[in-house]
Amino acid sequence: MLFDIGGIFLDWDPRHLYRKVFDDEERMEWFLGHICTAKWHMAHDQGYPMAPSCAELARHHPEWAAEITAWSDRSEEMVAGAINDAISVLAELTATGIPCYAVTNMEAETYPLREARYEFFSLFDGIVVSGFEGTAKPNPAIFHIVVGRFGLSPAHTLFVDDRLENVDVARSCGFQVHHYHGPKSLRATLADSQLLPG
């Protein structure tokens, strides 16, 4: 088994932080869509440190400097917590002896904090973190890293992710795939694959 982490086991969303920063939802969404965008953030997942990235962006948008700086200074407030129903499924899998690995898009500086904060990280037999590798999903390169590092056979490995573009790339790399929509559908897929009881 190969899992994504954010959106499955961790409730990560910049809105968890920025709803504290903004008192206007529409203004917050404009900021996330035009200033601290997903495209801009991708560099962090690929290993570019957040603090200098935020400083550089703030120089281009000084009127938003405080809001931009919050991205690096208060990054852990983007995590609302662990998603326990999904973690229960993971714990059941590992209890049966099925090896479980993870490949996550996560910043190099935040990963150690989250690994220390959330016990479920210890359930994985190995984790590839994009920020340490310099490449992130959906780039096929990170799946090749996973295969080489853990000796996985993609044809015999089920990959689970909540983002369709990542699922599509994993499929093209030869993995079995499950597009995650919640623990109930995941459990059904695992039962169909005879990995867990129905």
C-alpha atoms as a PDB file:
ATOM      1  CA  MET A   1       0.000   0.000   0.000  1.00  0.00           C
ATOM      2  CA  LEU A   2       1.129   3.518  -0.825  1.00  0.00           C
ATOM      3  CA  PHE A   3      -0.691   6.545   0.587  1.00  0.00           C
ATOM      4  CA  ASP A   4      -0.804  10.277   0.265  1.00  0.00           C
ATOM      5  CA  ILE A   5      -0.983  12.007   3.678  1.00  0.00           C
ATOM      6  CA  GLY A   6      -2.599  15.455   3.351  1.00  0.00           C
ATOM      7  CA  GLY A   7      -6.340  15.264   2.770  1.00  0.00           C
ATOM      8  CA  ILE A   8      -6.417  11.642   3.954  1.00  0.00           C
ATOM      9  CA  PHE A   9      -4.713  11.494   7.349  1.00  0.00           C
ATOM     10  CA  LEU A  10      -4.050  15.194   7.983  1.00  0.00           C
ATOM     11  CA  ASP A  11      -6.605  17.972   7.523  1.00  0.00           C
ATOM     12  CA  TRP A  12      -4.328  20.523   5.842  1.00  0.00           C
ATOM     13  CA  ASP A  13      -5.840  23.615   4.254  1.00  0.00           C
ATOM     14  CA  PRO A  14      -4.430  27.181   4.215  1.00  0.00           C
ATOM     15  CA  ARG A  15      -7.960  28.364   4.988  1.00  0.00           C
ATOM     16  CA  HIS A  16      -7.643  26.991   8.521  1.00  0.00           C
ATOM     17  CA  LEU A  17      -5.011  29.699   9.078  1.00  0.00           C
ATOM     18  CA  TYR A  18      -6.344  32.462   6.873  1.00  0.00           C
ATOM     19  CA  ARG A  19      -9.834  32.459   8.348  1.00  0.00           C
ATOM     20  CA  LYS A  20      -8.063  33.749  11.470  1.00  0.00           C
ATOM     21  CA  VAL A  21      -6.172  36.361   9.432  1.00  0.00           C
ATOM     22  CA  PHE A  22      -9.120  37.633   7.361  1.00  0.00           C
ATOM     23  CA  ASP A  23     -12.577  38.573   8.560  1.00  0.00           C
ATOM     24  CA  ASP A  24     -13.912  38.499   4.999  1.00  0.00           C
ATOM     25  CA  GLU A  25     -14.199  35.123   3.230  1.00  0.00           C
ATOM     26  CA  GLU A  26     -14.303  36.651  -0.234  1.00  0.00           C
ATOM     27  CA  ARG A  27     -11.150  38.697   0.402  1.00  0.00           C
ATOM     28  CA  MET A  28      -9.410  35.606   1.759  1.00  0.00           C
ATOM     29  CA  GLU A  29     -10.293  33.586  -1.333  1.00  0.00           C
ATOM     30  CA  TRP A  30      -9.019  36.390  -3.581  1.00  0.00           C
ATOM     31  CA  PHE A  31      -5.732  36.405  -1.660  1.00  0.00           C
ATOM     32  CA  LEU A  32      -5.324  32.622  -1.972  1.00  0.00           C
ATOM     33  CA  GLY A  33      -6.261  32.742  -5.633  1.00  0.00           C
ATOM     34  CA  HIS A  34      -4.013  35.675  -6.617  1.00  0.00           C
ATOM     35  CA  ILE A  35      -1.203  36.132  -4.052  1.00  0.00           C
ATOM     36  CA  CYS A  36      -0.371  32.979  -2.053  1.00  0.00           C
ATOM     37  CA  THR A  37      -1.511  30.635  -4.795  1.00  0.00           C
ATOM     38  CA  ALA A  38      -1.264  26.861  -5.110  1.00  0.00           C
ATOM     39  CA  LYS A  39       1.216  27.335  -7.968  1.00  0.00           C
ATOM     40  CA  TRP A  40       3.414  29.549  -5.772  1.00  0.00           C
ATOM     41  CA  HIS A  41       3.214  27.067  -2.910  1.00  0.00           C
ATOM     42  CA  MET A  42       4.345  24.181  -5.131  1.00  0.00           C
ATOM     43  CA  ALA A  43       7.915  25.497  -4.875  1.00  0.00           C
ATOM     44  CA  HIS A  44       7.801  24.850  -1.115  1.00  0.00           C
ATOM     45  CA  ASP A  45       6.713  21.264  -1.704  1.00  0.00           C
ATOM     46  CA  GLN A  46       9.706  20.937  -4.024  1.00  0.00           C
ATOM     47  CA  GLY A  47      12.132  22.064  -1.331  1.00  0.00           C
ATOM     48  CA  TYR A  48      12.309  25.862  -1.618  1.00  0.00           C
ATOM     49  CA  PRO A  49      12.270  27.260   1.953  1.00  0.00           C
ATOM     50  CA  MET A  50       9.113  29.130   2.914  1.00  0.00           C
ATOM     51  CA  ALA A  51      10.664  32.095   4.745  1.00  0.00           C
ATOM     52  CA  PRO A  52      12.717  33.487   1.825  1.00  0.00           C
ATOM     53  CA  SER A  53       9.895  32.626  -0.556  1.00  0.00           C
ATOM     54  CA  CYS A  54       7.452  34.670   1.522  1.00  0.00           C
ATOM     55  CA  ALA A  55       9.941  37.538   1.836  1.00  0.00           C
ATOM     56  CA  GLU A  56      10.391  37.620  -1.930  1.00  0.00           C
ATOM     57  CA  LEU A  57       6.635  37.595  -2.546  1.00  0.00           C
ATOM     58  CA  ALA A  58       6.110  40.314   0.060  1.00  0.00           C
ATOM     59  CA  ARG A  59       8.596  42.544  -1.768  1.00  0.00           C
ATOM     60  CA  HIS A  60       6.396  42.278  -4.850  1.00  0.00           C
ATOM     61  CA  HIS A  61       3.187  42.796  -2.860  1.00  0.00           C
ATOM     62  CA  PRO A  62       4.119  44.960   0.145  1.00  0.00           C
ATOM     63  CA  GLU A  63       0.480  45.778   0.840  1.00  0.00           C
ATOM     64  CA  TRP A  64      -0.018  42.063   1.675  1.00  0.00           C
ATOM     65  CA  ALA A  65       3.272  41.581   3.567  1.00  0.00           C
ATOM     66  CA  ALA A  66       1.727  40.583   6.893  1.00  0.00           C
ATOM     67  CA  GLU A  67      -0.650  38.088   5.308  1.00  0.00           C
ATOM     68  CA  ILE A  68       2.099  36.588   3.143  1.00  0.00           C
ATOM     69  CA  THR A  69       4.516  36.251   6.068  1.00  0.00           C
ATOM     70  CA  ALA A  70       1.863  34.361   8.032  1.00  0.00           C
ATOM     71  CA  TRP A  71       2.252  31.533   5.519  1.00  0.00           C
ATOM     72  CA  SER A  72       5.713  30.699   6.845  1.00  0.00           C
ATOM     73  CA  ASP A  73       5.433  32.001  10.408  1.00  0.00           C
ATOM     74  CA  ARG A  74       2.142  30.239  11.181  1.00  0.00           C
ATOM     75  CA  SER A  75       2.251  27.259   8.822  1.00  0.00           C
ATOM     76  CA  GLU A  76       1.196  24.734  11.470  1.00  0.00           C
ATOM     77  CA  GLU A  77      -2.116  26.552  11.861  1.00  0.00           C
ATOM     78  CA  MET A  78      -2.953  25.242   8.378  1.00  0.00           C
ATOM     79  CA  VAL A  79      -3.313  21.777   9.931  1.00  0.00           C
ATOM     80  CA  ALA A  80      -6.625  21.360  11.748  1.00  0.00           C
ATOM     81  CA  GLY A  81      -5.630  17.937  13.046  1.00  0.00           C
ATOM     82  CA  ALA A  82      -5.502  14.252  12.255  1.00  0.00           C
ATOM     83  CA  ILE A  83      -8.368  12.496  10.457  1.00  0.00           C
ATOM     84  CA  ASN A  84      -9.038   9.621  12.810  1.00  0.00           C
ATOM     85  CA  ASP A  85     -11.411   7.530  10.679  1.00  0.00           C
ATOM     86  CA  ALA A  86      -8.770   7.185   7.966  1.00  0.00           C
ATOM     87  CA  ILE A  87      -6.054   6.496  10.530  1.00  0.00           C
ATOM     88  CA  SER A  88      -8.194   3.635  11.866  1.00  0.00           C
ATOM     89  CA  VAL A  89      -8.179   2.039   8.419  1.00  0.00           C
ATOM     90  CA  LEU A  90      -4.399   2.458   8.218  1.00  0.00           C
ATOM     91  CA  ALA A  91      -3.978   0.889  11.662  1.00  0.00           C
ATOM     92  CA  GLU A  92      -6.098  -2.093  10.625  1.00  0.00           C
ATOM     93  CA  LEU A  93      -3.968  -2.596   7.534  1.00  0.00           C
ATOM     94  CA  THR A  94      -0.678  -2.453   9.411  1.00  0.00           C
ATOM     95  CA  ALA A  95      -2.052  -4.810  12.086  1.00  0.00           C
ATOM     96  CA  THR A  96      -2.531  -7.458   9.397  1.00  0.00           C
ATOM     97  CA  GLY A  97       1.134  -7.141   8.432  1.00  0.00           C
ATOM     98  CA  ILE A  98       0.533  -5.368   5.119  1.00  0.00           C
ATOM     99  CA  PRO A  99       3.459  -2.996   4.424  1.00  0.00           C
ATOM    100  CA  CYS A 100       2.239   0.597   4.154  1.00  0.00           C
ATOM    101  CA  TYR A 101       4.257   3.463   2.712  1.00  0.00           C
ATOM    102  CA  ALA A 102       3.538   7.123   2.055  1.00  0.00           C
ATOM    103  CA  VAL A 103       4.521   9.716  -0.524  1.00  0.00           C
ATOM    104  CA  THR A 104       3.603  13.232   0.505  1.00  0.00           C
ATOM    105  CA  ASN A 105       3.893  16.729  -0.862  1.00  0.00           C
ATOM    106  CA  MET A 106       5.148  18.543   2.208  1.00  0.00           C
ATOM    107  CA  GLU A 107       7.703  21.213   2.995  1.00  0.00           C
ATOM    108  CA  ALA A 108      11.054  20.070   4.348  1.00  0.00           C
ATOM    109  CA  GLU A 109      10.741  22.378   7.357  1.00  0.00           C
ATOM    110  CA  THR A 110       7.217  21.332   8.365  1.00  0.00           C
ATOM    111  CA  TYR A 111       7.556  17.563   7.980  1.00  0.00           C
ATOM    112  CA  PRO A 112       9.646  16.994  11.150  1.00  0.00           C
ATOM    113  CA  LEU A 113       7.157  19.044  13.178  1.00  0.00           C
ATOM    114  CA  ARG A 114       4.211  16.997  11.975  1.00  0.00           C
ATOM    115  CA  GLU A 115       5.989  13.682  12.320  1.00  0.00           C
ATOM    116  CA  ALA A 116       6.686  14.529  15.969  1.00  0.00           C
ATOM    117  CA  ARG A 117       3.176  15.845  16.572  1.00  0.00           C
ATOM    118  CA  TYR A 118       1.097  13.002  15.089  1.00  0.00           C
ATOM    119  CA  GLU A 119       1.614   9.396  16.159  1.00  0.00           C
ATOM    120  CA  PHE A 120       0.153   7.854  12.989  1.00  0.00           C
ATOM    121  CA  PHE A 121       3.345   8.667  11.047  1.00  0.00           C
ATOM    122  CA  SER A 122       4.995   5.765  12.888  1.00  0.00           C
ATOM    123  CA  LEU A 123       2.548   3.320  11.267  1.00  0.00           C
ATOM    124  CA  PHE A 124       4.261   3.697   7.898  1.00  0.00           C
ATOM    125  CA  ASP A 125       7.134   1.453   6.888  1.00  0.00           C
ATOM    126  CA  GLY A 126       8.659   4.353   4.959  1.00  0.00           C
ATOM    127  CA  ILE A 127       7.785   7.863   3.804  1.00  0.00           C
ATOM    128  CA  VAL A 128       9.019   9.879   0.833  1.00  0.00           C
ATOM    129  CA  VAL A 129       8.678  13.631   1.435  1.00  0.00           C
ATOM    130  CA  SER A 130       8.699  15.890  -1.608  1.00  0.00           C
ATOM    131  CA  GLY A 131      10.494  18.749   0.149  1.00  0.00           C
ATOM    132  CA  PHE A 132      13.520  16.517   0.777  1.00  0.00           C
ATOM    133  CA  GLU A 133      13.530  15.111  -2.756  1.00  0.00           C
ATOM    134  CA  GLY A 134      13.252  18.321  -4.787  1.00  0.00           C
ATOM    135  CA  THR A 135      10.293  16.988  -6.743  1.00  0.00           C
ATOM    136  CA  ALA A 136       6.607  16.629  -5.933  1.00  0.00           C
ATOM    137  CA  LYS A 137       3.455  14.918  -7.150  1.00  0.00           C
ATOM    138  CA  PRO A 138       2.187  14.830  -9.835  1.00  0.00           C
ATOM    139  CA  ASN A 139       5.708  14.589 -11.299  1.00  0.00           C
ATOM    140  CA  PRO A 140       6.292  10.902 -12.153  1.00  0.00           C
ATOM    141  CA  ALA A 141       9.847  11.264 -10.814  1.00  0.00           C
ATOM    142  CA  ILE A 142       8.671  11.056  -7.210  1.00  0.00           C
ATOM    143  CA  PHE A 143       6.908   7.765  -7.893  1.00  0.00           C
ATOM    144  CA  HIS A 144      10.136   6.397  -9.380  1.00  0.00           C
ATOM    145  CA  ILE A 145      11.920   7.455  -6.173  1.00  0.00           C
ATOM    146  CA  VAL A 146       9.345   5.573  -4.083  1.00  0.00           C
ATOM    147  CA  VAL A 147       9.686   2.415  -6.171  1.00  0.00           C
ATOM    148  CA  GLY A 148      13.473   2.458  -5.999  1.00  0.00           C
ATOM    149  CA  ARG A 149      13.722   3.286  -2.319  1.00  0.00           C
ATOM    150  CA  PHE A 150      11.236   0.739  -1.028  1.00  0.00           C
ATOM    151  CA  GLY A 151      11.541  -1.920  -3.713  1.00  0.00           C
ATOM    152  CA  LEU A 152       7.855  -1.747  -4.600  1.00  0.00           C
ATOM    153  CA  SER A 153       6.234  -3.468  -7.537  1.00  0.00           C
ATOM    154  CA  PRO A 154       3.758  -0.878  -8.887  1.00  0.00           C
ATOM    155  CA  ALA A 155       1.519  -3.570 -10.398  1.00  0.00           C
ATOM    156  CA  HIS A 156       1.126  -5.099  -6.934  1.00  0.00           C
ATOM    157  CA  THR A 157       0.847  -1.804  -5.008  1.00  0.00           C
ATOM    158  CA  LEU A 158      -2.363   0.146  -4.421  1.00  0.00           C
ATOM    159  CA  PHE A 159      -1.822   3.932  -4.376  1.00  0.00           C
ATOM    160  CA  VAL A 160      -4.363   6.129  -2.555  1.00  0.00           C
ATOM    161  CA  ASP A 161      -4.603   9.911  -3.076  1.00  0.00           C
ATOM    162  CA  ASP A 162      -7.351  12.521  -2.878  1.00  0.00           C
ATOM    163  CA  ARG A 163      -6.108  14.461  -5.913  1.00  0.00           C
ATOM    164  CA  LEU A 164      -7.105  13.059  -9.286  1.00  0.00           C
ATOM    165  CA  GLU A 165      -4.021  14.342 -11.108  1.00  0.00           C
ATOM    166  CA  ASN A 166      -1.801  12.355  -8.733  1.00  0.00           C
ATOM    167  CA  VAL A 167      -3.934   9.250  -9.166  1.00  0.00           C
ATOM    168  CA  ASP A 168      -3.736   9.551 -12.952  1.00  0.00           C
ATOM    169  CA  VAL A 169       0.059   9.845 -12.924  1.00  0.00           C
ATOM    170  CA  ALA A 170       0.408   6.905 -10.534  1.00  0.00           C
ATOM    171  CA  ARG A 171      -1.761   4.838 -12.872  1.00  0.00           C
ATOM    172  CA  SER A 172       0.477   5.793 -15.788  1.00  0.00           C
ATOM    173  CA  CYS A 173       3.441   4.580 -13.694  1.00  0.00           C
ATOM    174  CA  GLY A 174       1.810   1.170 -13.381  1.00  0.00           C
ATOM    175  CA  PHE A 175       0.250   1.415  -9.905  1.00  0.00           C
ATOM    176  CA  GLN A 176      -3.157   0.168  -8.925  1.00  0.00           C
ATOM    177  CA  VAL A 177      -5.021   3.273  -7.779  1.00  0.00           C
ATOM    178  CA  HIS A 178      -7.844   4.482  -5.577  1.00  0.00           C
ATOM    179  CA  HIS A 179      -9.099   8.072  -5.827  1.00  0.00           C
ATOM    180  CA  TYR A 180      -9.833   8.862  -2.191  1.00  0.00           C
ATOM    181  CA  HIS A 181     -13.258  10.257  -1.280  1.00  0.00           C
ATOM    182  CA  GLY A 182     -13.341   9.219   2.363  1.00  0.00           C
ATOM    183  CA  PRO A 183     -12.622   6.242   4.612  1.00  0.00           C
ATOM    184  CA  LYS A 184     -15.845   4.414   3.745  1.00  0.00           C
ATOM    185  CA  SER A 185     -15.045   4.126   0.029  1.00  0.00           C
ATOM    186  CA  LEU A 186     -11.424   3.275   0.844  1.00  0.00           C
ATOM    187  CA  ARG A 187     -12.534   0.464   3.116  1.00  0.00           C
ATOM    188  CA  ALA A 188     -14.818  -0.856   0.359  1.00  0.00           C
ATOM    189  CA  THR A 189     -11.918  -0.865  -2.125  1.00  0.00           C
ATOM    190  CA  LEU A 190      -9.691  -2.662   0.372  1.00  0.00           C
ATOM    191  CA  ALA A 191     -12.403  -5.237   0.993  1.00  0.00           C
ATOM    192  CA  ASP A 192     -12.818  -5.786  -2.760  1.00  0.00           C
ATOM    193  CA  SER A 193      -9.063  -6.318  -2.959  1.00  0.00           C
ATOM    194  CA  GLN A 194      -9.264  -8.723   0.010  1.00  0.00           C
ATOM    195  CA  LEU A 195      -6.870  -6.553   1.982  1.00  0.00           C
ATOM    196  CA  LEU A 196      -9.427  -6.009   4.760  1.00  0.00           C
ATOM    197  CA  PRO A 197     -12.599  -7.879   5.725  1.00  0.00           C
ATOM    198  CA  GLY A 198     -15.790  -6.608   4.103  1.00  0.00           C
END
